[in-house]
Amino acid sequence: MANQAVEAIRQAEQKAQELEQQASTKAAEIIHSAKERASALAEESSDQAQKEALAQVETAHRQEESVMQQSLQQAEQEISALRLLVKEKESQAVQAVLTELI
């Protein structure tokens, strides 16, 4: 039982890392796309287009931060829940071992 709980925590931590990597990749894609759009607009347009492009880059940065925060919060919640589960199962596991020994 304790092994299962530990494994569940490990899996949750791994999932959290995967979510963080996905969020980082998505954020990089958003930033890359925004920079490409910004570059094209800067070549074609006046100062107004450049201002719009910068706003898009800023928006992309805000989106990146939001995605990262959401992923981290979700991962932290899952880890906390699994740690509570481990604490609950730990006493049951100890009791089961003691029962088997007696």
C-alpha atoms as a PDB file:
ATOM      1  CA  MET A   1       0.000   0.000   0.000  1.00  0.00           C
ATOM      2  CA  ALA A   2       2.746   2.413   0.948  1.00  0.00           C
ATOM      3  CA  ASN A   3       4.610   1.507  -2.238  1.00  0.00           C
ATOM      4  CA  GLN A   4       1.510   2.288  -4.262  1.00  0.00           C
ATOM      5  CA  ALA A   5       1.161   5.656  -2.615  1.00  0.00           C
ATOM      6  CA  VAL A   6       4.820   6.461  -3.161  1.00  0.00           C
ATOM      7  CA  GLU A   7       4.478   5.387  -6.790  1.00  0.00           C
ATOM      8  CA  ALA A   8       1.393   7.584  -7.132  1.00  0.00           C
ATOM      9  CA  ILE A   9       3.360  10.565  -5.819  1.00  0.00           C
ATOM     10  CA  ARG A  10       6.217   9.812  -8.195  1.00  0.00           C
ATOM     11  CA  GLN A  11       3.801   9.640 -11.096  1.00  0.00           C
ATOM     12  CA  ALA A  12       2.149  12.892 -10.055  1.00  0.00           C
ATOM     13  CA  GLU A  13       5.524  14.599  -9.864  1.00  0.00           C
ATOM     14  CA  GLN A  14       6.426  13.217 -13.280  1.00  0.00           C
ATOM     15  CA  LYS A  15       3.099  14.453 -14.653  1.00  0.00           C
ATOM     16  CA  ALA A  16       3.787  17.854 -13.126  1.00  0.00           C
ATOM     17  CA  GLN A  17       7.138  17.968 -14.891  1.00  0.00           C
ATOM     18  CA  GLU A  18       5.495  16.969 -18.157  1.00  0.00           C
ATOM     19  CA  LEU A  19       2.845  19.664 -17.738  1.00  0.00           C
ATOM     20  CA  GLU A  20       5.516  22.222 -17.002  1.00  0.00           C
ATOM     21  CA  GLN A  21       7.492  21.164 -20.085  1.00  0.00           C
ATOM     22  CA  GLN A  22       4.361  21.301 -22.225  1.00  0.00           C
ATOM     23  CA  ALA A  23       3.538  24.735 -20.881  1.00  0.00           C
ATOM     24  CA  SER A  24       7.067  25.911 -21.567  1.00  0.00           C
ATOM     25  CA  THR A  25       6.973  24.513 -25.117  1.00  0.00           C
ATOM     26  CA  LYS A  26       3.594  26.094 -25.786  1.00  0.00           C
ATOM     27  CA  ALA A  27       4.795  29.392 -24.379  1.00  0.00           C
ATOM     28  CA  ALA A  28       7.899  29.259 -26.591  1.00  0.00           C
ATOM     29  CA  GLU A  29       5.680  28.583 -29.612  1.00  0.00           C
ATOM     30  CA  ILE A  30       3.422  31.499 -28.720  1.00  0.00           C
ATOM     31  CA  ILE A  31       6.406  33.804 -28.277  1.00  0.00           C
ATOM     32  CA  HIS A  32       7.986  32.596 -31.508  1.00  0.00           C
ATOM     33  CA  SER A  33       4.757  33.162 -33.408  1.00  0.00           C
ATOM     34  CA  ALA A  34       4.300  36.609 -31.875  1.00  0.00           C
ATOM     35  CA  LYS A  35       7.870  37.576 -32.736  1.00  0.00           C
ATOM     36  CA  GLU A  36       7.395  36.423 -36.321  1.00  0.00           C
ATOM     37  CA  ARG A  37       4.209  38.459 -36.598  1.00  0.00           C
ATOM     38  CA  ALA A  38       5.949  41.411 -35.006  1.00  0.00           C
ATOM     39  CA  SER A  39       8.815  41.199 -37.468  1.00  0.00           C
ATOM     40  CA  ALA A  40       6.498  41.031 -40.486  1.00  0.00           C
ATOM     41  CA  LEU A  41       4.440  43.956 -39.269  1.00  0.00           C
ATOM     42  CA  ALA A  42       7.529  46.021 -38.545  1.00  0.00           C
ATOM     43  CA  GLU A  43       8.770  45.564 -42.094  1.00  0.00           C
ATOM     44  CA  GLU A  44       5.411  46.404 -43.689  1.00  0.00           C
ATOM     45  CA  SER A  45       3.984  49.036 -41.426  1.00  0.00           C
ATOM     46  CA  SER A  46       4.600  52.247 -39.579  1.00  0.00           C
ATOM     47  CA  ASP A  47       5.132  52.911 -35.899  1.00  0.00           C
ATOM     48  CA  GLN A  48       1.553  51.900 -35.160  1.00  0.00           C
ATOM     49  CA  ALA A  49       2.158  48.396 -36.488  1.00  0.00           C
ATOM     50  CA  GLN A  50       5.289  48.121 -34.373  1.00  0.00           C
ATOM     51  CA  LYS A  51       3.329  49.138 -31.287  1.00  0.00           C
ATOM     52  CA  GLU A  52       0.725  46.467 -32.054  1.00  0.00           C
ATOM     53  CA  ALA A  53       3.431  43.855 -32.521  1.00  0.00           C
ATOM     54  CA  LEU A  54       5.004  44.725 -29.191  1.00  0.00           C
ATOM     55  CA  ALA A  55       1.603  44.407 -27.577  1.00  0.00           C
ATOM     56  CA  GLN A  56       1.295  40.924 -29.076  1.00  0.00           C
ATOM     57  CA  VAL A  57       4.675  39.933 -27.672  1.00  0.00           C
ATOM     58  CA  GLU A  58       3.654  41.260 -24.269  1.00  0.00           C
ATOM     59  CA  THR A  59       0.405  39.336 -24.507  1.00  0.00           C
ATOM     60  CA  ALA A  60       2.344  36.201 -25.383  1.00  0.00           C
ATOM     61  CA  HIS A  61       4.545  36.700 -22.332  1.00  0.00           C
ATOM     62  CA  ARG A  62       1.481  37.120 -20.127  1.00  0.00           C
ATOM     63  CA  GLN A  63      -0.052  33.987 -21.643  1.00  0.00           C
ATOM     64  CA  GLU A  64       3.175  32.096 -21.015  1.00  0.00           C
ATOM     65  CA  GLU A  65       3.206  33.157 -17.389  1.00  0.00           C
ATOM     66  CA  SER A  66      -0.449  32.241 -16.986  1.00  0.00           C
ATOM     67  CA  VAL A  67       0.037  28.784 -18.519  1.00  0.00           C
ATOM     68  CA  MET A  68       3.087  28.150 -16.339  1.00  0.00           C
ATOM     69  CA  GLN A  69       1.284  29.266 -13.181  1.00  0.00           C
ATOM     70  CA  GLN A  70      -1.753  27.119 -13.933  1.00  0.00           C
ATOM     71  CA  SER A  71       0.408  24.070 -14.625  1.00  0.00           C
ATOM     72  CA  LEU A  72       2.436  24.569 -11.477  1.00  0.00           C
ATOM     73  CA  GLN A  73      -0.670  25.073  -9.343  1.00  0.00           C
ATOM     74  CA  GLN A  74      -2.259  21.940 -10.755  1.00  0.00           C
ATOM     75  CA  ALA A  75       0.897  19.937 -10.126  1.00  0.00           C
ATOM     76  CA  GLU A  76       1.214  21.276  -6.582  1.00  0.00           C
ATOM     77  CA  GLN A  77      -2.405  20.392  -5.834  1.00  0.00           C
ATOM     78  CA  GLU A  78      -1.948  16.860  -7.142  1.00  0.00           C
ATOM     79  CA  ILE A  79       1.250  16.383  -5.147  1.00  0.00           C
ATOM     80  CA  SER A  80      -0.385  17.706  -1.974  1.00  0.00           C
ATOM     81  CA  ALA A  81      -3.355  15.399  -2.417  1.00  0.00           C
ATOM     82  CA  LEU A  82      -1.096  12.418  -2.951  1.00  0.00           C
ATOM     83  CA  ARG A  83       1.015  13.293   0.082  1.00  0.00           C
ATOM     84  CA  LEU A  84      -2.134  13.362   2.193  1.00  0.00           C
ATOM     85  CA  LEU A  85      -3.100  10.000   0.765  1.00  0.00           C
ATOM     86  CA  VAL A  86       0.317   8.610   1.644  1.00  0.00           C
ATOM     87  CA  LYS A  87      -0.012   9.847   5.221  1.00  0.00           C
ATOM     88  CA  GLU A  88      -3.403   8.185   5.499  1.00  0.00           C
ATOM     89  CA  LYS A  89      -2.155   4.937   4.002  1.00  0.00           C
ATOM     90  CA  GLU A  90       1.072   4.930   6.020  1.00  0.00           C
ATOM     91  CA  SER A  91      -0.642   4.199   9.324  1.00  0.00           C
ATOM     92  CA  GLN A  92      -2.740   1.503   7.661  1.00  0.00           C
ATOM     93  CA  ALA A  93       0.389  -0.067   6.198  1.00  0.00           C
ATOM     94  CA  VAL A  94       2.167  -0.021   9.561  1.00  0.00           C
ATOM     95  CA  GLN A  95      -0.869  -1.556  11.210  1.00  0.00           C
ATOM     96  CA  ALA A  96      -1.055  -4.254   8.529  1.00  0.00           C
ATOM     97  CA  VAL A  97       2.627  -5.116   9.024  1.00  0.00           C
ATOM     98  CA  LEU A  98       2.195  -5.245  12.795  1.00  0.00           C
ATOM     99  CA  THR A  99      -0.877  -7.447  12.408  1.00  0.00           C
ATOM    100  CA  GLU A 100       1.069  -9.830  10.187  1.00  0.00           C
ATOM    101  CA  LEU A 101       3.942  -9.961  12.681  1.00  0.00           C
ATOM    102  CA  ILE A 102       1.684 -10.665  15.650  1.00  0.00           C
END
